[in-house]
PDB file of N, CA and C in Angstrom:
ATOM      1  N   MET A   1      11.877 -31.624   0.439  1.00  0.00           N
ATOM      2  CA  MET A   1      11.994 -30.608   0.908  1.00  0.00           C
ATOM      3  C   MET A   1      12.703 -29.264   0.453  1.00  0.00           C
ATOM      4  N   ARG A   2      12.087 -28.467   0.180  1.00  0.00           N
ATOM      5  CA  ARG A   2      13.315 -27.173  -0.375  1.00  0.00           C
ATOM      6  C   ARG A   2      13.567 -26.002   0.283  1.00  0.00           C
ATOM      7  N   VAL A   3      14.618 -25.670   0.825  1.00  0.00           N
ATOM      8  CA  VAL A   3      14.775 -24.804   1.802  1.00  0.00           C
ATOM      9  C   VAL A   3      15.557 -23.602   0.975  1.00  0.00           C
ATOM     10  N   ARG A   4      14.738 -22.441   1.025  1.00  0.00           N
ATOM     11  CA  ARG A   4      14.980 -20.942   0.588  1.00  0.00           C
ATOM     12  C   ARG A   4      15.768 -20.345   1.316  1.00  0.00           C
ATOM     13  N   GLU A   5      16.964 -19.437   0.961  1.00  0.00           N
ATOM     14  CA  GLU A   5      17.698 -18.559   1.763  1.00  0.00           C
ATOM     15  C   GLU A   5      16.959 -17.264   1.637  1.00  0.00           C
ATOM     16  N   TRP A   6      16.400 -16.819   2.857  1.00  0.00           N
ATOM     17  CA  TRP A   6      15.729 -15.628   2.563  1.00  0.00           C
ATOM     18  C   TRP A   6      16.671 -14.521   3.284  1.00  0.00           C
ATOM     19  N   ARG A   7      17.122 -13.278   2.663  1.00  0.00           N
ATOM     20  CA  ARG A   7      17.624 -12.282   2.919  1.00  0.00           C
ATOM     21  C   ARG A   7      16.617 -11.393   3.879  1.00  0.00           C
ATOM     22  N   PRO A   8      16.732 -10.789   5.268  1.00  0.00           N
ATOM     23  CA  PRO A   8      15.765  -9.985   5.678  1.00  0.00           C
ATOM     24  C   PRO A   8      15.794  -8.557   5.144  1.00  0.00           C
ATOM     25  N   ILE A   9      14.575  -7.920   5.163  1.00  0.00           N
ATOM     26  CA  ILE A   9      14.482  -6.579   4.932  1.00  0.00           C
ATOM     27  C   ILE A   9      14.983  -5.569   6.181  1.00  0.00           C
ATOM     28  N   VAL A  10      15.874  -5.010   5.615  1.00  0.00           N
ATOM     29  CA  VAL A  10      16.394  -3.993   6.648  1.00  0.00           C
ATOM     30  C   VAL A  10      15.912  -2.528   6.414  1.00  0.00           C
ATOM     31  N   ARG A  11      15.220  -1.974   7.133  1.00  0.00           N
ATOM     32  CA  ARG A  11      14.665  -0.630   7.029  1.00  0.00           C
ATOM     33  C   ARG A  11      15.437   0.413   7.565  1.00  0.00           C
ATOM     34  N   ASN A  12      15.522   1.332   6.579  1.00  0.00           N
ATOM     35  CA  ASN A  12      16.401   2.319   6.755  1.00  0.00           C
ATOM     36  C   ASN A  12      15.447   3.630   6.961  1.00  0.00           C
ATOM     37  N   ALA A  13      14.854   4.254   8.114  1.00  0.00           N
ATOM     38  CA  ALA A  13      13.887   5.139   8.393  1.00  0.00           C
ATOM     39  C   ALA A  13      14.653   6.382   7.601  1.00  0.00           C
ATOM     40  N   GLY A  14      15.786   6.634   8.084  1.00  0.00           N
ATOM     41  CA  GLY A  14      16.123   8.200   7.408  1.00  0.00           C
ATOM     42  C   GLY A  14      16.070   8.410   5.892  1.00  0.00           C
ATOM     43  N   LYS A  15      16.898   7.260   5.375  1.00  0.00           N
ATOM     44  CA  LYS A  15      16.433   7.381   3.953  1.00  0.00           C
ATOM     45  C   LYS A  15      15.124   7.101   3.185  1.00  0.00           C
ATOM     46  N   ARG A  16      14.622   6.353   3.645  1.00  0.00           N
ATOM     47  CA  ARG A  16      13.076   5.822   3.274  1.00  0.00           C
ATOM     48  C   ARG A  16      12.016   7.033   3.186  1.00  0.00           C
ATOM     49  N   LEU A  17      12.098   7.795   4.187  1.00  0.00           N
ATOM     50  CA  LEU A  17      11.216   9.095   4.417  1.00  0.00           C
ATOM     51  C   LEU A  17      12.205  10.403   3.825  1.00  0.00           C
ATOM     52  N   SER A  18      13.266  10.376   3.270  1.00  0.00           N
ATOM     53  CA  SER A  18      13.961  11.489   2.961  1.00  0.00           C
ATOM     54  C   SER A  18      13.260  12.228   1.668  1.00  0.00           C
ATOM     55  N   ALA A  19      13.485  13.523   1.882  1.00  0.00           N
ATOM     56  CA  ALA A  19      12.950  14.545   0.753  1.00  0.00           C
ATOM     57  C   ALA A  19      13.501  13.900  -0.938  1.00  0.00           C
ATOM     58  N   GLU A  20      14.838  13.116  -0.721  1.00  0.00           N
ATOM     59  CA  GLU A  20      15.423  12.822  -1.886  1.00  0.00           C
ATOM     60  C   GLU A  20      14.587  11.587  -2.320  1.00  0.00           C
ATOM     61  N   GLN A  21      14.133  10.746  -1.534  1.00  0.00           N
ATOM     62  CA  GLN A  21      13.693   9.807  -1.902  1.00  0.00           C
ATOM     63  C   GLN A  21      11.878  10.128  -2.550  1.00  0.00           C
ATOM     64  N   TRP A  22      11.207  10.816  -2.051  1.00  0.00           N
ATOM     65  CA  TRP A  22      10.014  10.879  -2.018  1.00  0.00           C
ATOM     66  C   TRP A  22       9.946  12.259  -3.424  1.00  0.00           C
ATOM     67  N   GLY A  23      11.086  13.165  -3.236  1.00  0.00           N
ATOM     68  CA  GLY A  23      10.724  13.992  -4.391  1.00  0.00           C
ATOM     69  C   GLY A  23      11.382  13.593  -5.616  1.00  0.00           C
ATOM     70  N   ALA A  24      12.082  12.315  -5.835  1.00  0.00           N
ATOM     71  CA  ALA A  24      12.136  11.704  -7.054  1.00  0.00           C
ATOM     72  C   ALA A  24      10.808  10.476  -7.338  1.00  0.00           C
ATOM     73  N   GLY A  25      10.011  10.439  -6.382  1.00  0.00           N
ATOM     74  CA  GLY A  25       8.562   9.683  -6.912  1.00  0.00           C
ATOM     75  C   GLY A  25       9.070   7.967  -6.376  1.00  0.00           C
ATOM     76  N   ASN A  26       9.924   8.029  -6.044  1.00  0.00           N
ATOM     77  CA  ASN A  26      10.273   6.637  -5.756  1.00  0.00           C
ATOM     78  C   ASN A  26       9.064   6.024  -4.219  1.00  0.00           C
ATOM     79  N   SER A  27       8.884   4.624  -4.232  1.00  0.00           N
ATOM     80  CA  SER A  27       8.209   4.050  -2.952  1.00  0.00           C
ATOM     81  C   SER A  27       9.762   3.934  -2.189  1.00  0.00           C
ATOM     82  N   ILE A  28       9.014   4.291  -0.748  1.00  0.00           N
ATOM     83  CA  ILE A  28       9.762   3.817   0.167  1.00  0.00           C
ATOM     84  C   ILE A  28      10.346   2.476   0.292  1.00  0.00           C
ATOM     85  N   TRP A  29       9.482   1.413  -0.418  1.00  0.00           N
ATOM     86  CA  TRP A  29      10.023   0.253  -0.697  1.00  0.00           C
ATOM     87  C   TRP A  29      11.335   0.090  -1.364  1.00  0.00           C
ATOM     88  N   ASP A  30      11.495   1.071  -2.488  1.00  0.00           N
ATOM     89  CA  ASP A  30      12.725   0.841  -3.103  1.00  0.00           C
ATOM     90  C   ASP A  30      14.202   1.050  -2.220  1.00  0.00           C
ATOM     91  N   VAL A  31      13.827   1.668  -1.213  1.00  0.00           N
ATOM     92  CA  VAL A  31      15.280   1.704  -0.422  1.00  0.00           C
ATOM     93  C   VAL A  31      15.140   0.521   0.352  1.00  0.00           C
ATOM     94  N   ASP A  32      14.221  -0.087   0.780  1.00  0.00           N
ATOM     95  CA  ASP A  32      14.321  -1.580   1.710  1.00  0.00           C
ATOM     96  C   ASP A  32      14.671  -2.323   1.139  1.00  0.00           C
ATOM     97  N   VAL A  33      14.274  -2.742  -0.017  1.00  0.00           N
ATOM     98  CA  VAL A  33      14.517  -3.974  -0.953  1.00  0.00           C
ATOM     99  C   VAL A  33      15.546  -3.690  -2.090  1.00  0.00           C
ATOM    100  N   GLU A  34      16.025  -2.522  -2.123  1.00  0.00           N
ATOM    101  CA  GLU A  34      17.438  -2.395  -3.321  1.00  0.00           C
ATOM    102  C   GLU A  34      17.058  -3.186  -4.440  1.00  0.00           C
ATOM    103  N   ASP A  35      17.759  -4.272  -4.945  1.00  0.00           N
ATOM    104  CA  ASP A  35      17.659  -4.752  -6.421  1.00  0.00           C
ATOM    105  C   ASP A  35      16.426  -5.906  -6.539  1.00  0.00           C
ATOM    106  N   ARG A  36      15.864  -6.273  -5.354  1.00  0.00           N
ATOM    107  CA  ARG A  36      15.342  -7.325  -5.233  1.00  0.00           C
ATOM    108  C   ARG A  36      13.765  -7.281  -5.625  1.00  0.00           C
ATOM    109  N   PRO A  37      13.417  -8.188  -6.334  1.00  0.00           N
ATOM    110  CA  PRO A  37      11.782  -8.048  -7.020  1.00  0.00           C
ATOM    111  C   PRO A  37      10.934  -7.769  -5.607  1.00  0.00           C
ATOM    112  N   PHE A  38      10.259  -6.335  -6.177  1.00  0.00           N
ATOM    113  CA  PHE A  38       9.023  -6.239  -5.078  1.00  0.00           C
ATOM    114  C   PHE A  38       7.884  -5.952  -6.097  1.00  0.00           C
ATOM    115  N   GLU A  39       6.583  -6.851  -5.581  1.00  0.00           N
ATOM    116  CA  GLU A  39       5.375  -6.345  -6.514  1.00  0.00           C
ATOM    117  C   GLU A  39       3.853  -6.550  -5.109  1.00  0.00           C
ATOM    118  N   ALA A  40       3.505  -5.943  -6.139  1.00  0.00           N
ATOM    119  CA  ALA A  40       1.625  -6.108  -5.280  1.00  0.00           C
ATOM    120  C   ALA A  40       1.236  -7.044  -5.469  1.00  0.00           C
ATOM    121  N   ALA A  41       0.625  -7.724  -5.092  1.00  0.00           N
ATOM    122  CA  ALA A  41      -0.110  -8.891  -5.704  1.00  0.00           C
ATOM    123  C   ALA A  41      -1.805  -8.902  -4.972  1.00  0.00           C
ATOM    124  N   ASP A  42      -2.587  -9.597  -5.522  1.00  0.00           N
ATOM    125  CA  ASP A  42      -3.801  -9.781  -4.912  1.00  0.00           C
ATOM    126  C   ASP A  42      -4.616  -8.475  -4.864  1.00  0.00           C
ATOM    127  N   VAL A  43      -4.303  -7.452  -5.975  1.00  0.00           N
ATOM    128  CA  VAL A  43      -5.135  -6.164  -5.436  1.00  0.00           C
ATOM    129  C   VAL A  43      -6.545  -6.264  -5.587  1.00  0.00           C
ATOM    130  N   GLN A  44      -7.195  -5.729  -4.741  1.00  0.00           N
ATOM    131  CA  GLN A  44      -8.655  -5.780  -4.604  1.00  0.00           C
ATOM    132  C   GLN A  44      -8.975  -4.405  -4.362  1.00  0.00           C
ATOM    133  N   ILE A  45     -10.093  -4.039  -5.423  1.00  0.00           N
ATOM    134  CA  ILE A  45     -10.522  -2.688  -5.001  1.00  0.00           C
ATOM    135  C   ILE A  45     -12.123  -2.663  -4.934  1.00  0.00           C
ATOM    136  N   GLU A  46     -12.506  -1.996  -3.996  1.00  0.00           N
ATOM    137  CA  GLU A  46     -14.448  -1.854  -3.866  1.00  0.00           C
ATOM    138  C   GLU A  46     -14.578  -0.742  -3.108  1.00  0.00           C
ATOM    139  N   GLN A  47     -15.703  -0.190  -3.768  1.00  0.00           N
ATOM    140  CA  GLN A  47     -16.560   0.713  -3.031  1.00  0.00           C
ATOM    141  C   GLN A  47     -17.343   0.236  -2.065  1.00  0.00           C
ATOM    142  N   LEU A  48     -17.307   1.243  -0.888  1.00  0.00           N
ATOM    143  CA  LEU A  48     -18.052   0.669   0.339  1.00  0.00           C
ATOM    144  C   LEU A  48     -18.385   1.702   1.176  1.00  0.00           C
ATOM    145  N   PRO A  49     -19.726   1.446   1.910  1.00  0.00           N
ATOM    146  CA  PRO A  49     -19.942   2.403   2.752  1.00  0.00           C
ATOM    147  C   PRO A  49     -18.774   2.609   3.959  1.00  0.00           C
ATOM    148  N   ALA A  50     -18.295   3.836   4.541  1.00  0.00           N
ATOM    149  CA  ALA A  50     -17.589   4.127   5.365  1.00  0.00           C
ATOM    150  C   ALA A  50     -17.779   3.650   6.893  1.00  0.00           C
ATOM    151  N   ALA A  51     -17.240   2.697   7.497  1.00  0.00           N
ATOM    152  CA  ALA A  51     -17.190   1.979   8.791  1.00  0.00           C
ATOM    153  C   ALA A  51     -17.139   3.276   9.949  1.00  0.00           C
ATOM    154  N   ALA A  52     -17.602   3.083  11.161  1.00  0.00           N
ATOM    155  CA  ALA A  52     -17.415   4.234  11.963  1.00  0.00           C
ATOM    156  C   ALA A  52     -16.042   4.764  12.097  1.00  0.00           C
ATOM    157  N   ASP A  53     -15.088   3.553  12.372  1.00  0.00           N
ATOM    158  CA  ASP A  53     -13.774   3.971  12.517  1.00  0.00           C
ATOM    159  C   ASP A  53     -13.000   4.572  11.467  1.00  0.00           C
ATOM    160  N   VAL A  54     -13.342   4.151  10.367  1.00  0.00           N
ATOM    161  CA  VAL A  54     -12.716   4.535   8.922  1.00  0.00           C
ATOM    162  C   VAL A  54     -13.216   5.935   8.648  1.00  0.00           C
ATOM    163  N   ALA A  55     -14.401   6.314   8.993  1.00  0.00           N
ATOM    164  CA  ALA A  55     -15.061   7.459   8.890  1.00  0.00           C
ATOM    165  C   ALA A  55     -14.486   8.703   9.751  1.00  0.00           C
ATOM    166  N   ARG A  56     -14.319   8.137  10.765  1.00  0.00           N
ATOM    167  CA  ARG A  56     -13.721   8.841  11.802  1.00  0.00           C
ATOM    168  C   ARG A  56     -12.223   9.430  11.331  1.00  0.00           C
ATOM    169  N   ILE A  57     -11.672   8.579  10.829  1.00  0.00           N
ATOM    170  CA  ILE A  57      -9.990   8.768  10.630  1.00  0.00           C
ATOM    171  C   ILE A  57      -9.858   9.688   9.366  1.00  0.00           C
ATOM    172  N   LEU A  58     -11.187   9.322   8.200  1.00  0.00           N
ATOM    173  CA  LEU A  58     -10.990  10.083   6.922  1.00  0.00           C
ATOM    174  C   LEU A  58     -11.561  11.282   7.221  1.00  0.00           C
ATOM    175  N   GLU A  59     -12.314  11.725   8.347  1.00  0.00           N
ATOM    176  CA  GLU A  59     -13.109  13.077   8.465  1.00  0.00           C
ATOM    177  C   GLU A  59     -14.194  12.876   7.458  1.00  0.00           C
ATOM    178  N   VAL A  60     -15.154  11.764   7.416  1.00  0.00           N
ATOM    179  CA  VAL A  60     -16.236  11.898   6.485  1.00  0.00           C
ATOM    180  C   VAL A  60     -17.377  10.938   7.514  1.00  0.00           C
ATOM    181  N   GLU A  61     -18.687  11.444   6.819  1.00  0.00           N
ATOM    182  CA  GLU A  61     -19.709  10.812   7.624  1.00  0.00           C
ATOM    183  C   GLU A  61     -19.681   9.255   7.476  1.00  0.00           C
ATOM    184  N   GLU A  62     -20.184   8.558   8.705  1.00  0.00           N
ATOM    185  CA  GLU A  62     -20.314   7.207   8.674  1.00  0.00           C
ATOM    186  C   GLU A  62     -21.238   6.669   7.577  1.00  0.00           C
ATOM    187  N   GLY A  63     -21.034   6.018   7.169  1.00  0.00           N
ATOM    188  CA  GLY A  63     -21.908   5.308   5.803  1.00  0.00           C
ATOM    189  C   GLY A  63     -21.783   6.045   4.316  1.00  0.00           C
ATOM    190  N   GLU A  64     -20.785   7.127   4.523  1.00  0.00           N
ATOM    191  CA  GLU A  64     -20.238   7.680   3.137  1.00  0.00           C
ATOM    192  C   GLU A  64     -19.694   6.707   2.285  1.00  0.00           C
ATOM    193  N   LEU A  65     -19.723   6.839   1.152  1.00  0.00           N
ATOM    194  CA  LEU A  65     -18.695   6.055   0.016  1.00  0.00           C
ATOM    195  C   LEU A  65     -17.375   6.418  -0.007  1.00  0.00           C
ATOM    196  N   VAL A  66     -16.536   5.191   0.253  1.00  0.00           N
ATOM    197  CA  VAL A  66     -15.194   5.214   0.150  1.00  0.00           C
ATOM    198  C   VAL A  66     -14.400   4.048  -0.766  1.00  0.00           C
ATOM    199  N   TRP A  67     -13.405   4.107  -1.166  1.00  0.00           N
ATOM    200  CA  TRP A  67     -13.146   3.002  -1.595  1.00  0.00           C
ATOM    201  C   TRP A  67     -11.753   2.449  -0.598  1.00  0.00           C
ATOM    202  N   ARG A  68     -12.102   0.992  -0.773  1.00  0.00           N
ATOM    203  CA  ARG A  68     -10.584   0.469  -0.524  1.00  0.00           C
ATOM    204  C   ARG A  68     -10.131  -0.531  -1.212  1.00  0.00           C
ATOM    205  N   ARG A  69      -8.834  -0.362  -1.267  1.00  0.00           N
ATOM    206  CA  ARG A  69      -7.652  -0.881  -2.079  1.00  0.00           C
ATOM    207  C   ARG A  69      -7.174  -1.787  -1.020  1.00  0.00           C
ATOM    208  N   GLY A  70      -7.272  -3.491  -1.166  1.00  0.00           N
ATOM    209  CA  GLY A  70      -6.381  -4.015  -0.440  1.00  0.00           C
ATOM    210  C   GLY A  70      -5.040  -4.758  -1.143  1.00  0.00           C
ATOM    211  N   ARG A  71      -4.131  -5.268  -0.949  1.00  0.00           N
ATOM    212  CA  ARG A  71      -3.125  -5.547  -1.125  1.00  0.00           C
ATOM    213  C   ARG A  71      -2.080  -6.836  -0.491  1.00  0.00           C
ATOM    214  N   ARG A  72      -1.419  -7.516  -1.207  1.00  0.00           N
ATOM    215  CA  ARG A  72      -0.127  -8.137  -0.721  1.00  0.00           C
ATOM    216  C   ARG A  72       0.848  -7.800  -1.018  1.00  0.00           C
ATOM    217  N   TYR A  73       2.079  -7.407  -0.726  1.00  0.00           N
ATOM    218  CA  TYR A  73       3.226  -7.180  -1.181  1.00  0.00           C
ATOM    219  C   TYR A  73       4.332  -8.271  -0.556  1.00  0.00           C
ATOM    220  N   LEU A  74       4.788  -8.521  -1.970  1.00  0.00           N
ATOM    221  CA  LEU A  74       5.632  -9.945  -2.109  1.00  0.00           C
ATOM    222  C   LEU A  74       7.301  -9.204  -2.432  1.00  0.00           C
ATOM    223  N   VAL A  75       8.328  -9.596  -1.858  1.00  0.00           N
ATOM    224  CA  VAL A  75       9.840  -9.633  -1.936  1.00  0.00           C
ATOM    225  C   VAL A  75      10.267 -11.000  -2.478  1.00  0.00           C
ATOM    226  N   ASP A  76      10.883 -11.033  -3.627  1.00  0.00           N
ATOM    227  CA  ASP A  76      11.506 -12.147  -3.848  1.00  0.00           C
ATOM    228  C   ASP A  76      10.097 -13.080  -3.668  1.00  0.00           C
ATOM    229  N   GLY A  77       9.133 -13.097  -4.216  1.00  0.00           N
ATOM    230  CA  GLY A  77       7.979 -13.766  -4.335  1.00  0.00           C
ATOM    231  C   GLY A  77       7.449 -14.275  -2.782  1.00  0.00           C
ATOM    232  N   VAL A  78       7.882 -13.783  -1.839  1.00  0.00           N
ATOM    233  CA  VAL A  78       7.653 -13.972  -0.570  1.00  0.00           C
ATOM    234  C   VAL A  78       6.779 -12.722  -0.084  1.00  0.00           C
ATOM    235  N   ALA A  79       5.448 -13.108   0.701  1.00  0.00           N
ATOM    236  CA  ALA A  79       4.481 -12.273   0.905  1.00  0.00           C
ATOM    237  C   ALA A  79       5.066 -11.602   2.342  1.00  0.00           C
ATOM    238  N   VAL A  80       5.330 -10.017   2.426  1.00  0.00           N
ATOM    239  CA  VAL A  80       5.983  -9.441   3.635  1.00  0.00           C
ATOM    240  C   VAL A  80       5.107  -8.699   4.280  1.00  0.00           C
ATOM    241  N   ILE A  81       4.178  -8.148   3.792  1.00  0.00           N
ATOM    242  CA  ILE A  81       3.085  -7.331   4.627  1.00  0.00           C
ATOM    243  C   ILE A  81       1.661  -7.242   3.594  1.00  0.00           C
ATOM    244  N   ARG A  82       0.655  -7.162   4.306  1.00  0.00           N
ATOM    245  CA  ARG A  82      -0.584  -6.972   3.822  1.00  0.00           C
ATOM    246  C   ARG A  82      -1.145  -5.481   4.156  1.00  0.00           C
ATOM    247  N   ALA A  83      -1.817  -4.829   3.330  1.00  0.00           N
ATOM    248  CA  ALA A  83      -1.985  -3.324   3.135  1.00  0.00           C
ATOM    249  C   ALA A  83      -3.491  -3.212   2.557  1.00  0.00           C
ATOM    250  N   ALA A  84      -4.059  -2.468   3.314  1.00  0.00           N
ATOM    251  CA  ALA A  84      -5.340  -1.570   2.897  1.00  0.00           C
ATOM    252  C   ALA A  84      -5.389  -0.288   3.313  1.00  0.00           C
ATOM    253  N   SER A  85      -5.708   0.340   1.948  1.00  0.00           N
ATOM    254  CA  SER A  85      -5.792   2.063   1.992  1.00  0.00           C
ATOM    255  C   SER A  85      -7.451   2.300   1.979  1.00  0.00           C
ATOM    256  N   TYR A  86      -7.847   3.611   2.492  1.00  0.00           N
ATOM    257  CA  TYR A  86      -9.314   3.752   2.478  1.00  0.00           C
ATOM    258  C   TYR A  86      -8.975   5.403   1.754  1.00  0.00           C
ATOM    259  N   ILE A  87      -9.907   5.496   0.943  1.00  0.00           N
ATOM    260  CA  ILE A  87      -9.953   6.716   0.227  1.00  0.00           C
ATOM    261  C   ILE A  87     -11.239   7.387  -0.173  1.00  0.00           C
ATOM    262  N   PRO A  88     -11.434   8.549   0.194  1.00  0.00           N
ATOM    263  CA  PRO A  88     -12.895   9.101   0.149  1.00  0.00           C
ATOM    264  C   PRO A  88     -13.195   8.922  -1.196  1.00  0.00           C
ATOM    265  N   ASP A  89     -14.663   8.924  -1.681  1.00  0.00           N
ATOM    266  CA  ASP A  89     -15.231   8.809  -3.055  1.00  0.00           C
ATOM    267  C   ASP A  89     -14.660   9.842  -3.668  1.00  0.00           C
ATOM    268  N   ASP A  90     -15.264  11.028  -3.117  1.00  0.00           N
ATOM    269  CA  ASP A  90     -14.944  12.468  -3.789  1.00  0.00           C
ATOM    270  C   ASP A  90     -13.547  12.731  -4.286  1.00  0.00           C
ATOM    271  N   LEU A  91     -12.411  12.159  -3.624  1.00  0.00           N
ATOM    272  CA  LEU A  91     -11.128  12.114  -4.069  1.00  0.00           C
ATOM    273  C   LEU A  91     -10.516  11.190  -5.241  1.00  0.00           C
ATOM    274  N   ALA A  92     -11.082   9.670  -4.933  1.00  0.00           N
ATOM    275  CA  ALA A  92     -10.680   8.648  -5.962  1.00  0.00           C
ATOM    276  C   ALA A  92     -11.629   8.277  -7.103  1.00  0.00           C
ATOM    277  N   ARG A  93     -12.765   9.193  -7.013  1.00  0.00           N
ATOM    278  CA  ARG A  93     -13.921   8.908  -8.230  1.00  0.00           C
ATOM    279  C   ARG A  93     -13.340   9.161  -9.416  1.00  0.00           C
ATOM    280  N   GLY A  94     -13.183   8.641 -10.724  1.00  0.00           N
ATOM    281  CA  GLY A  94     -12.732   8.858 -11.954  1.00  0.00           C
ATOM    282  C   GLY A  94     -11.277   8.989 -12.179  1.00  0.00           C
ATOM    283  N   THR A  95     -10.518   8.392 -10.980  1.00  0.00           N
ATOM    284  CA  THR A  95      -9.057   7.893 -10.869  1.00  0.00           C
ATOM    285  C   THR A  95      -8.602   6.728 -11.183  1.00  0.00           C
ATOM    286  N   GLN A  96      -7.205   6.854 -11.312  1.00  0.00           N
ATOM    287  CA  GLN A  96      -6.411   5.381 -11.375  1.00  0.00           C
ATOM    288  C   GLN A  96      -6.725   4.626 -10.161  1.00  0.00           C
ATOM    289  N   ILE A  97      -7.073   5.273  -9.183  1.00  0.00           N
ATOM    290  CA  ILE A  97      -6.988   4.747  -7.780  1.00  0.00           C
ATOM    291  C   ILE A  97      -8.282   3.572  -7.602  1.00  0.00           C
ATOM    292  N   THR A  98      -9.134   3.685  -8.390  1.00  0.00           N
ATOM    293  CA  THR A  98     -10.368   2.787  -8.674  1.00  0.00           C
ATOM    294  C   THR A  98     -10.010   1.897  -9.652  1.00  0.00           C
ATOM    295  N   GLN A  99      -9.124   1.838 -10.106  1.00  0.00           N
ATOM    296  CA  GLN A  99      -8.827   0.616 -11.030  1.00  0.00           C
ATOM    297  C   GLN A  99      -7.482  -0.259 -10.740  1.00  0.00           C
ATOM    298  N   GLY A 100      -7.572  -1.159 -11.235  1.00  0.00           N
ATOM    299  CA  GLY A 100      -6.521  -2.303 -10.640  1.00  0.00           C
ATOM    300  C   GLY A 100      -5.450  -2.187 -11.529  1.00  0.00           C
TER     301      GLY A 100
END
């Protein structure tokens, strides 16, 4: 058996949401993980009809095409969060959002 030491991720809400952080084009994760390796893994991109809840939040019609980007985020090679984003087709079509 191998035991790995894990350093907890401490969130600094004030710093991660500051104008300096966003203005520099940095991810909010840059503040949280500091010098630790951070990566998105298992990125899945698909175009699909908006379910009722997604349509309501995006203010589009139910069944209208949207793009879903799913991924896992790893810190030090350990999965720390799973995320999914939904973007209306008219905003995402033809952009890097629709590419892996």
